[in-house]
Amino acid sequence: MPEFPGGMPALMEFIRKNLRHDKAEKNERVIIQIVVDKKGNATNPVVLRSTNPALDEEALRIVSLMPKWKPSRQAGNNRNVKFVFPVAFKPSVQNTN
């Protein structure tokens, strides 16, 4: 399996730090699929589960910011592998009404 530098906790932290939550009206998740290529680049992002076009666009923007991943290896060779992860959105200001 490919690995984000620092593992899944680092991936979730990267998303949290770079995400613009102002587009979310409530807690929502967008599911993204990428291909981590043989060189470790996150390519071919696809929204597998959409909640809102603006959130989809923001989730895809996050993918474009990602550093290189550790590519997957099989039989000593790097391989292209699909990887799926959630991007969680929370509103910037919680409505208390």
PDB file of N, CA and C in Angstrom:
ATOM      1  N   MET A   1       0.839  -1.187   0.000  1.00  0.00           N
ATOM      2  CA  MET A   1       0.000   0.000   0.000  1.00  0.00           C
ATOM      3  C   MET A   1       0.883   1.249   0.000  1.00  0.00           C
ATOM      4  N   PRO A   2       0.438   2.286  -0.696  1.00  0.00           N
ATOM      5  CA  PRO A   2       1.181   3.542  -0.633  1.00  0.00           C
ATOM      6  C   PRO A   2       1.021   4.159   0.755  1.00  0.00           C
ATOM      7  N   GLU A   3       1.944   5.040   1.113  1.00  0.00           N
ATOM      8  CA  GLU A   3       1.883   5.658   2.433  1.00  0.00           C
ATOM      9  C   GLU A   3       2.177   7.147   2.343  1.00  0.00           C
ATOM     10  N   PHE A   4       1.298   7.947   2.954  1.00  0.00           N
ATOM     11  CA  PHE A   4       1.534   9.370   3.073  1.00  0.00           C
ATOM     12  C   PHE A   4       2.717   9.559   4.012  1.00  0.00           C
ATOM     13  N   PRO A   5       3.595  10.547   3.782  1.00  0.00           N
ATOM     14  CA  PRO A   5       4.737  10.752   4.687  1.00  0.00           C
ATOM     15  C   PRO A   5       4.254  10.964   6.127  1.00  0.00           C
ATOM     16  N   GLY A   6       4.565  10.032   6.999  1.00  0.00           N
ATOM     17  CA  GLY A   6       4.119  10.102   8.390  1.00  0.00           C
ATOM     18  C   GLY A   6       2.897   9.238   8.671  1.00  0.00           C
ATOM     19  N   GLY A   7       2.340   8.593   7.650  1.00  0.00           N
ATOM     20  CA  GLY A   7       1.212   7.693   7.845  1.00  0.00           C
ATOM     21  C   GLY A   7      -0.139   8.392   7.817  1.00  0.00           C
ATOM     22  N   MET A   8      -1.167   7.632   8.170  1.00  0.00           N
ATOM     23  CA  MET A   8      -2.536   8.150   8.155  1.00  0.00           C
ATOM     24  C   MET A   8      -2.738   9.329   9.101  1.00  0.00           C
ATOM     25  N   PRO A   9      -2.164   9.307  10.324  1.00  0.00           N
ATOM     26  CA  PRO A   9      -2.340  10.489  11.183  1.00  0.00           C
ATOM     27  C   PRO A   9      -1.803  11.764  10.528  1.00  0.00           C
ATOM     28  N   ALA A  10      -0.682  11.649   9.842  1.00  0.00           N
ATOM     29  CA  ALA A  10      -0.102  12.817   9.156  1.00  0.00           C
ATOM     30  C   ALA A  10      -0.986  13.251   7.987  1.00  0.00           C
ATOM     31  N   LEU A  11      -1.605  12.309   7.286  1.00  0.00           N
ATOM     32  CA  LEU A  11      -2.518  12.651   6.194  1.00  0.00           C
ATOM     33  C   LEU A  11      -3.709  13.429   6.735  1.00  0.00           C
ATOM     34  N   MET A  12      -4.313  12.948   7.821  1.00  0.00           N
ATOM     35  CA  MET A  12      -5.468  13.627   8.403  1.00  0.00           C
ATOM     36  C   MET A  12      -5.081  15.027   8.910  1.00  0.00           C
ATOM     37  N   GLU A  13      -3.882  15.164   9.474  1.00  0.00           N
ATOM     38  CA  GLU A  13      -3.395  16.462   9.948  1.00  0.00           C
ATOM     39  C   GLU A  13      -3.154  17.402   8.766  1.00  0.00           C
ATOM     40  N   PHE A  14      -2.583  16.890   7.684  1.00  0.00           N
ATOM     41  CA  PHE A  14      -2.353  17.685   6.471  1.00  0.00           C
ATOM     42  C   PHE A  14      -3.683  18.230   5.941  1.00  0.00           C
ATOM     43  N   ILE A  15      -4.681  17.356   5.878  1.00  0.00           N
ATOM     44  CA  ILE A  15      -5.998  17.781   5.389  1.00  0.00           C
ATOM     45  C   ILE A  15      -6.574  18.843   6.317  1.00  0.00           C
ATOM     46  N   ARG A  16      -6.509  18.604   7.622  1.00  0.00           N
ATOM     47  CA  ARG A  16      -7.064  19.542   8.598  1.00  0.00           C
ATOM     48  C   ARG A  16      -6.423  20.921   8.484  1.00  0.00           C
ATOM     49  N   LYS A  17      -5.098  20.955   8.330  1.00  0.00           N
ATOM     50  CA  LYS A  17      -4.381  22.228   8.269  1.00  0.00           C
ATOM     51  C   LYS A  17      -4.646  23.003   6.980  1.00  0.00           C
ATOM     52  N   ASN A  18      -4.892  22.318   5.880  1.00  0.00           N
ATOM     53  CA  ASN A  18      -5.025  22.968   4.582  1.00  0.00           C
ATOM     54  C   ASN A  18      -6.454  23.172   4.114  1.00  0.00           C
ATOM     55  N   LEU A  19      -7.395  22.599   4.822  1.00  0.00           N
ATOM     56  CA  LEU A  19      -8.792  22.647   4.408  1.00  0.00           C
ATOM     57  C   LEU A  19      -9.440  23.983   4.747  1.00  0.00           C
ATOM     58  N   ARG A  20     -10.225  24.488   3.818  1.00  0.00           N
ATOM     59  CA  ARG A  20     -11.019  25.694   4.042  1.00  0.00           C
ATOM     60  C   ARG A  20     -12.429  25.247   4.415  1.00  0.00           C
ATOM     61  N   HIS A  21     -12.745  25.353   5.680  1.00  0.00           N
ATOM     62  CA  HIS A  21     -14.034  24.864   6.175  1.00  0.00           C
ATOM     63  C   HIS A  21     -15.185  25.828   5.911  1.00  0.00           C
ATOM     64  N   ASP A  22     -14.888  27.030   5.458  1.00  0.00           N
ATOM     65  CA  ASP A  22     -15.933  28.027   5.299  1.00  0.00           C
ATOM     66  C   ASP A  22     -16.978  27.659   4.242  1.00  0.00           C
ATOM     67  N   LYS A  23     -16.726  26.623   3.479  1.00  0.00           N
ATOM     68  CA  LYS A  23     -17.673  26.199   2.460  1.00  0.00           C
ATOM     69  C   LYS A  23     -18.724  25.233   3.001  1.00  0.00           C
ATOM     70  N   ALA A  24     -18.534  24.750   4.222  1.00  0.00           N
ATOM     71  CA  ALA A  24     -19.445  23.766   4.797  1.00  0.00           C
ATOM     72  C   ALA A  24     -20.510  24.437   5.654  1.00  0.00           C
ATOM     73  N   GLU A  25     -21.752  23.998   5.467  1.00  0.00           N
ATOM     74  CA  GLU A  25     -22.850  24.497   6.284  1.00  0.00           C
ATOM     75  C   GLU A  25     -23.117  23.582   7.474  1.00  0.00           C
ATOM     76  N   LYS A  26     -22.673  22.335   7.372  1.00  0.00           N
ATOM     77  CA  LYS A  26     -22.834  21.353   8.447  1.00  0.00           C
ATOM     78  C   LYS A  26     -21.684  20.360   8.339  1.00  0.00           C
ATOM     79  N   ASN A  27     -21.587  19.437   9.283  1.00  0.00           N
ATOM     80  CA  ASN A  27     -20.542  18.410   9.212  1.00  0.00           C
ATOM     81  C   ASN A  27     -20.815  17.510   8.008  1.00  0.00           C
ATOM     82  N   GLU A  28     -19.844  17.435   7.123  1.00  0.00           N
ATOM     83  CA  GLU A  28     -19.994  16.622   5.909  1.00  0.00           C
ATOM     84  C   GLU A  28     -18.672  15.954   5.564  1.00  0.00           C
ATOM     85  N   ARG A  29     -18.755  14.857   4.801  1.00  0.00           N
ATOM     86  CA  ARG A  29     -17.548  14.160   4.345  1.00  0.00           C
ATOM     87  C   ARG A  29     -17.633  13.920   2.849  1.00  0.00           C
ATOM     88  N   VAL A  30     -16.509  14.155   2.195  1.00  0.00           N
ATOM     89  CA  VAL A  30     -16.351  13.841   0.779  1.00  0.00           C
ATOM     90  C   VAL A  30     -15.347  12.695   0.715  1.00  0.00           C
ATOM     91  N   ILE A  31     -15.662  11.672  -0.049  1.00  0.00           N
ATOM     92  CA  ILE A  31     -14.749  10.530  -0.205  1.00  0.00           C
ATOM     93  C   ILE A  31     -13.999  10.711  -1.519  1.00  0.00           C
ATOM     94  N   ILE A  32     -12.675  10.693  -1.416  1.00  0.00           N
ATOM     95  CA  ILE A  32     -11.789  10.914  -2.569  1.00  0.00           C
ATOM     96  C   ILE A  32     -10.995   9.647  -2.866  1.00  0.00           C
ATOM     97  N   GLN A  33     -10.826   9.380  -4.149  1.00  0.00           N
ATOM     98  CA  GLN A  33      -9.939   8.298  -4.591  1.00  0.00           C
ATOM     99  C   GLN A  33      -8.822   8.927  -5.406  1.00  0.00           C
ATOM    100  N   ILE A  34      -7.597   8.524  -5.128  1.00  0.00           N
ATOM    101  CA  ILE A  34      -6.451   8.960  -5.917  1.00  0.00           C
ATOM    102  C   ILE A  34      -5.692   7.733  -6.388  1.00  0.00           C
ATOM    103  N   VAL A  35      -4.817   7.945  -7.337  1.00  0.00           N
ATOM    104  CA  VAL A  35      -3.853   6.923  -7.726  1.00  0.00           C
ATOM    105  C   VAL A  35      -2.491   7.443  -7.295  1.00  0.00           C
ATOM    106  N   VAL A  36      -1.809   6.677  -6.455  1.00  0.00           N
ATOM    107  CA  VAL A  36      -0.433   7.013  -6.096  1.00  0.00           C
ATOM    108  C   VAL A  36       0.434   6.294  -7.120  1.00  0.00           C
ATOM    109  N   ASP A  37       1.080   7.085  -7.981  1.00  0.00           N
ATOM    110  CA  ASP A  37       1.838   6.483  -9.074  1.00  0.00           C
ATOM    111  C   ASP A  37       3.182   5.931  -8.602  1.00  0.00           C
ATOM    112  N   LYS A  38       3.920   5.374  -9.538  1.00  0.00           N
ATOM    113  CA  LYS A  38       5.197   4.727  -9.226  1.00  0.00           C
ATOM    114  C   LYS A  38       6.219   5.679  -8.619  1.00  0.00           C
ATOM    115  N   LYS A  39       6.053   6.978  -8.879  1.00  0.00           N
ATOM    116  CA  LYS A  39       6.978   7.976  -8.341  1.00  0.00           C
ATOM    117  C   LYS A  39       6.484   8.591  -7.039  1.00  0.00           C
ATOM    118  N   GLY A  40       5.280   8.202  -6.590  1.00  0.00           N
ATOM    119  CA  GLY A  40       4.746   8.719  -5.334  1.00  0.00           C
ATOM    120  C   GLY A  40       3.847   9.934  -5.486  1.00  0.00           C
ATOM    121  N   ASN A  41       3.501  10.286  -6.718  1.00  0.00           N
ATOM    122  CA  ASN A  41       2.614  11.434  -6.943  1.00  0.00           C
ATOM    123  C   ASN A  41       1.160  11.022  -6.754  1.00  0.00           C
ATOM    124  N   ALA A  42       0.356  11.896  -6.155  1.00  0.00           N
ATOM    125  CA  ALA A  42      -1.080  11.682  -6.026  1.00  0.00           C
ATOM    126  C   ALA A  42      -1.724  12.177  -7.321  1.00  0.00           C
ATOM    127  N   THR A  43      -2.237  11.260  -8.131  1.00  0.00           N
ATOM    128  CA  THR A  43      -2.780  11.602  -9.447  1.00  0.00           C
ATOM    129  C   THR A  43      -4.217  11.116  -9.585  1.00  0.00           C
ATOM    130  N   ASN A  44      -4.856  11.542 -10.651  1.00  0.00           N
ATOM    131  CA  ASN A  44      -6.199  11.110 -11.031  1.00  0.00           C
ATOM    132  C   ASN A  44      -7.209  11.170  -9.886  1.00  0.00           C
ATOM    133  N   PRO A  45      -7.335  12.309  -9.201  1.00  0.00           N
ATOM    134  CA  PRO A  45      -8.305  12.373  -8.106  1.00  0.00           C
ATOM    135  C   PRO A  45      -9.738  12.280  -8.624  1.00  0.00           C
ATOM    136  N   VAL A  46     -10.552  11.507  -7.906  1.00  0.00           N
ATOM    137  CA  VAL A  46     -11.954  11.311  -8.262  1.00  0.00           C
ATOM    138  C   VAL A  46     -12.777  11.421  -6.988  1.00  0.00           C
ATOM    139  N   VAL A  47     -13.900  12.103  -7.065  1.00  0.00           N
ATOM    140  CA  VAL A  47     -14.827  12.170  -5.941  1.00  0.00           C
ATOM    141  C   VAL A  47     -15.723  10.936  -6.017  1.00  0.00           C
ATOM    142  N   LEU A  48     -15.617  10.064  -5.015  1.00  0.00           N
ATOM    143  CA  LEU A  48     -16.447   8.864  -4.996  1.00  0.00           C
ATOM    144  C   LEU A  48     -17.791   9.125  -4.330  1.00  0.00           C
ATOM    145  N   ARG A  49     -17.785   9.984  -3.311  1.00  0.00           N
ATOM    146  CA  ARG A  49     -19.042  10.350  -2.649  1.00  0.00           C
ATOM    147  C   ARG A  49     -19.072  11.855  -2.470  1.00  0.00           C
ATOM    148  N   SER A  50     -20.063  12.457  -3.088  1.00  0.00           N
ATOM    149  CA  SER A  50     -20.194  13.908  -3.089  1.00  0.00           C
ATOM    150  C   SER A  50     -21.319  14.334  -2.158  1.00  0.00           C
ATOM    151  N   THR A  51     -21.154  15.501  -1.547  1.00  0.00           N
ATOM    152  CA  THR A  51     -22.232  16.081  -0.752  1.00  0.00           C
ATOM    153  C   THR A  51     -22.613  17.462  -1.272  1.00  0.00           C
ATOM    154  N   ASN A  52     -21.659  18.121  -1.925  1.00  0.00           N
ATOM    155  CA  ASN A  52     -21.864  19.495  -2.358  1.00  0.00           C
ATOM    156  C   ASN A  52     -20.752  19.812  -3.372  1.00  0.00           C
ATOM    157  N   PRO A  53     -21.059  20.368  -4.528  1.00  0.00           N
ATOM    158  CA  PRO A  53     -20.022  20.658  -5.521  1.00  0.00           C
ATOM    159  C   PRO A  53     -18.889  21.545  -5.003  1.00  0.00           C
ATOM    160  N   ALA A  54     -19.199  22.506  -4.136  1.00  0.00           N
ATOM    161  CA  ALA A  54     -18.149  23.379  -3.590  1.00  0.00           C
ATOM    162  C   ALA A  54     -17.199  22.588  -2.691  1.00  0.00           C
ATOM    163  N   LEU A  55     -17.745  21.640  -1.932  1.00  0.00           N
ATOM    164  CA  LEU A  55     -16.898  20.812  -1.065  1.00  0.00           C
ATOM    165  C   LEU A  55     -16.066  19.839  -1.898  1.00  0.00           C
ATOM    166  N   ASP A  56     -16.648  19.319  -2.957  1.00  0.00           N
ATOM    167  CA  ASP A  56     -15.897  18.437  -3.860  1.00  0.00           C
ATOM    168  C   ASP A  56     -14.688  19.175  -4.421  1.00  0.00           C
ATOM    169  N   GLU A  57     -14.913  20.405  -4.862  1.00  0.00           N
ATOM    170  CA  GLU A  57     -13.841  21.220  -5.426  1.00  0.00           C
ATOM    171  C   GLU A  57     -12.737  21.462  -4.392  1.00  0.00           C
ATOM    172  N   GLU A  58     -13.132  21.728  -3.159  1.00  0.00           N
ATOM    173  CA  GLU A  58     -12.154  21.962  -2.094  1.00  0.00           C
ATOM    174  C   GLU A  58     -11.366  20.685  -1.786  1.00  0.00           C
ATOM    175  N   ALA A  59     -12.029  19.544  -1.758  1.00  0.00           N
ATOM    176  CA  ALA A  59     -11.340  18.276  -1.507  1.00  0.00           C
ATOM    177  C   ALA A  59     -10.327  17.988  -2.618  1.00  0.00           C
ATOM    178  N   LEU A  60     -10.697  18.270  -3.849  1.00  0.00           N
ATOM    179  CA  LEU A  60      -9.766  18.067  -4.974  1.00  0.00           C
ATOM    180  C   LEU A  60      -8.604  19.052  -4.909  1.00  0.00           C
ATOM    181  N   ARG A  61      -8.847  20.249  -4.403  1.00  0.00           N
ATOM    182  CA  ARG A  61      -7.770  21.235  -4.231  1.00  0.00           C
ATOM    183  C   ARG A  61      -6.738  20.707  -3.226  1.00  0.00           C
ATOM    184  N   ILE A  62      -7.198  20.081  -2.178  1.00  0.00           N
ATOM    185  CA  ILE A  62      -6.306  19.507  -1.159  1.00  0.00           C
ATOM    186  C   ILE A  62      -5.376  18.471  -1.792  1.00  0.00           C
ATOM    187  N   VAL A  63      -5.924  17.644  -2.677  1.00  0.00           N
ATOM    188  CA  VAL A  63      -5.102  16.627  -3.345  1.00  0.00           C
ATOM    189  C   VAL A  63      -3.984  17.293  -4.133  1.00  0.00           C
ATOM    190  N   SER A  64      -4.279  18.416  -4.771  1.00  0.00           N
ATOM    191  CA  SER A  64      -3.261  19.098  -5.585  1.00  0.00           C
ATOM    192  C   SER A  64      -2.118  19.654  -4.731  1.00  0.00           C
ATOM    193  N   LEU A  65      -2.339  19.823  -3.437  1.00  0.00           N
ATOM    194  CA  LEU A  65      -1.308  20.351  -2.531  1.00  0.00           C
ATOM    195  C   LEU A  65      -0.432  19.263  -1.904  1.00  0.00           C
ATOM    196  N   MET A  66      -0.826  18.023  -2.053  1.00  0.00           N
ATOM    197  CA  MET A  66      -0.152  16.932  -1.341  1.00  0.00           C
ATOM    198  C   MET A  66       1.299  16.751  -1.770  1.00  0.00           C
ATOM    199  N   PRO A  67       2.151  16.444  -0.774  1.00  0.00           N
ATOM    200  CA  PRO A  67       3.537  16.100  -1.112  1.00  0.00           C
ATOM    201  C   PRO A  67       3.582  14.690  -1.697  1.00  0.00           C
ATOM    202  N   LYS A  68       4.763  14.294  -2.124  1.00  0.00           N
ATOM    203  CA  LYS A  68       4.921  12.933  -2.651  1.00  0.00           C
ATOM    204  C   LYS A  68       4.667  11.909  -1.545  1.00  0.00           C
ATOM    205  N   TRP A  69       4.048  10.804  -1.943  1.00  0.00           N
ATOM    206  CA  TRP A  69       3.789   9.681  -1.062  1.00  0.00           C
ATOM    207  C   TRP A  69       4.915   8.658  -1.214  1.00  0.00           C
ATOM    208  N   LYS A  70       4.984   7.722  -0.297  1.00  0.00           N
ATOM    209  CA  LYS A  70       5.852   6.556  -0.458  1.00  0.00           C
ATOM    210  C   LYS A  70       5.066   5.588  -1.342  1.00  0.00           C
ATOM    211  N   PRO A  71       5.563   5.300  -2.547  1.00  0.00           N
ATOM    212  CA  PRO A  71       4.790   4.450  -3.462  1.00  0.00           C
ATOM    213  C   PRO A  71       4.696   3.008  -2.980  1.00  0.00           C
ATOM    214  N   SER A  72       3.702   2.318  -3.490  1.00  0.00           N
ATOM    215  CA  SER A  72       3.515   0.904  -3.178  1.00  0.00           C
ATOM    216  C   SER A  72       4.563   0.083  -3.924  1.00  0.00           C
ATOM    217  N   ARG A  73       4.984  -0.998  -3.296  1.00  0.00           N
ATOM    218  CA  ARG A  73       5.973  -1.875  -3.930  1.00  0.00           C
ATOM    219  C   ARG A  73       5.439  -3.298  -3.959  1.00  0.00           C
ATOM    220  N   GLN A  74       5.718  -3.968  -5.074  1.00  0.00           N
ATOM    221  CA  GLN A  74       5.352  -5.368  -5.215  1.00  0.00           C
ATOM    222  C   GLN A  74       6.475  -6.054  -5.974  1.00  0.00           C
ATOM    223  N   ALA A  75       6.977  -7.113  -5.415  1.00  0.00           N
ATOM    224  CA  ALA A  75       8.075  -7.869  -6.012  1.00  0.00           C
ATOM    225  C   ALA A  75       9.271  -6.958  -6.313  1.00  0.00           C
ATOM    226  N   GLY A  76       9.520  -6.000  -5.416  1.00  0.00           N
ATOM    227  CA  GLY A  76      10.676  -5.124  -5.556  1.00  0.00           C
ATOM    228  C   GLY A  76      10.500  -3.962  -6.514  1.00  0.00           C
ATOM    229  N   ASN A  77       9.317  -3.832  -7.112  1.00  0.00           N
ATOM    230  CA  ASN A  77       9.065  -2.753  -8.064  1.00  0.00           C
ATOM    231  C   ASN A  77       7.950  -1.842  -7.561  1.00  0.00           C
ATOM    232  N   ASN A  78       8.084  -0.549  -7.821  1.00  0.00           N
ATOM    233  CA  ASN A  78       7.022   0.389  -7.478  1.00  0.00           C
ATOM    234  C   ASN A  78       5.821   0.150  -8.387  1.00  0.00           C
ATOM    235  N   ARG A  79       4.629   0.315  -7.824  1.00  0.00           N
ATOM    236  CA  ARG A  79       3.380   0.094  -8.561  1.00  0.00           C
ATOM    237  C   ARG A  79       2.427   1.257  -8.378  1.00  0.00           C
ATOM    238  N   ASN A  80       1.596   1.495  -9.388  1.00  0.00           N
ATOM    239  CA  ASN A  80       0.491   2.442  -9.259  1.00  0.00           C
ATOM    240  C   ASN A  80      -0.595   1.766  -8.425  1.00  0.00           C
ATOM    241  N   VAL A  81      -1.127   2.482  -7.424  1.00  0.00           N
ATOM    242  CA  VAL A  81      -2.152   1.908  -6.555  1.00  0.00           C
ATOM    243  C   VAL A  81      -3.216   2.955  -6.267  1.00  0.00           C
ATOM    244  N   LYS A  82      -4.490   2.536  -6.297  1.00  0.00           N
ATOM    245  CA  LYS A  82      -5.585   3.419  -5.911  1.00  0.00           C
ATOM    246  C   LYS A  82      -5.651   3.491  -4.387  1.00  0.00           C
ATOM    247  N   PHE A  83      -5.984   4.675  -3.881  1.00  0.00           N
ATOM    248  CA  PHE A  83      -6.081   4.890  -2.442  1.00  0.00           C
ATOM    249  C   PHE A  83      -7.301   5.769  -2.185  1.00  0.00           C
ATOM    250  N   VAL A  84      -8.118   5.385  -1.210  1.00  0.00           N
ATOM    251  CA  VAL A  84      -9.349   6.103  -0.898  1.00  0.00           C
ATOM    252  C   VAL A  84      -9.258   6.658   0.512  1.00  0.00           C
ATOM    253  N   PHE A  85      -9.706   7.916   0.683  1.00  0.00           N
ATOM    254  CA  PHE A  85      -9.703   8.526   2.013  1.00  0.00           C
ATOM    255  C   PHE A  85     -10.816   9.571   2.109  1.00  0.00           C
ATOM    256  N   PRO A  86     -11.263   9.852   3.349  1.00  0.00           N
ATOM    257  CA  PRO A  86     -12.297  10.870   3.531  1.00  0.00           C
ATOM    258  C   PRO A  86     -11.692  12.254   3.745  1.00  0.00           C
ATOM    259  N   VAL A  87     -12.435  13.263   3.351  1.00  0.00           N
ATOM    260  CA  VAL A  87     -12.107  14.646   3.684  1.00  0.00           C
ATOM    261  C   VAL A  87     -13.308  15.165   4.466  1.00  0.00           C
ATOM    262  N   ALA A  88     -13.095  15.430   5.758  1.00  0.00           N
ATOM    263  CA  ALA A  88     -14.185  15.846   6.638  1.00  0.00           C
ATOM    264  C   ALA A  88     -14.260  17.361   6.722  1.00  0.00           C
ATOM    265  N   PHE A  89     -15.463  17.882   6.559  1.00  0.00           N
ATOM    266  CA  PHE A  89     -15.714  19.314   6.643  1.00  0.00           C
ATOM    267  C   PHE A  89     -16.569  19.605   7.866  1.00  0.00           C
ATOM    268  N   LYS A  90     -16.217  20.678   8.543  1.00  0.00           N
ATOM    269  CA  LYS A  90     -17.017  21.176   9.663  1.00  0.00           C
ATOM    270  C   LYS A  90     -17.212  22.663   9.428  1.00  0.00           C
ATOM    271  N   PRO A  91     -18.378  23.202   9.769  1.00  0.00           N
ATOM    272  CA  PRO A  91     -18.587  24.640   9.573  1.00  0.00           C
ATOM    273  C   PRO A  91     -17.593  25.459  10.387  1.00  0.00           C
ATOM    274  N   SER A  92     -17.204  26.617   9.848  1.00  0.00           N
ATOM    275  CA  SER A  92     -16.265  27.494  10.555  1.00  0.00           C
ATOM    276  C   SER A  92     -16.868  28.003  11.847  1.00  0.00           C
ATOM    277  N   VAL A  93     -18.143  28.374  11.802  1.00  0.00           N
ATOM    278  CA  VAL A  93     -18.818  28.901  12.986  1.00  0.00           C
ATOM    279  C   VAL A  93     -20.048  28.036  13.217  1.00  0.00           C
ATOM    280  N   GLN A  94     -20.128  27.433  14.384  1.00  0.00           N
ATOM    281  CA  GLN A  94     -21.280  26.585  14.695  1.00  0.00           C
ATOM    282  C   GLN A  94     -22.495  27.464  14.978  1.00  0.00           C
ATOM    283  N   ASN A  95     -23.615  27.091  14.394  1.00  0.00           N
ATOM    284  CA  ASN A  95     -24.882  27.795  14.639  1.00  0.00           C
ATOM    285  C   ASN A  95     -25.459  27.278  15.953  1.00  0.00           C
ATOM    286  N   THR A  96     -25.703  28.164  16.900  1.00  0.00           N
ATOM    287  CA  THR A  96     -26.172  27.739  18.225  1.00  0.00           C
ATOM    288  C   THR A  96     -27.683  27.854  18.376  1.00  0.00           C
ATOM    289  N   ASN A  97     -28.417  28.157  17.304  1.00  0.00           N
ATOM    290  CA  ASN A  97     -29.877  28.277  17.391  1.00  0.00           C
ATOM    291  C   ASN A  97     -30.545  26.937  17.377  1.00  0.00           C
TER     292      ASN A  97
END
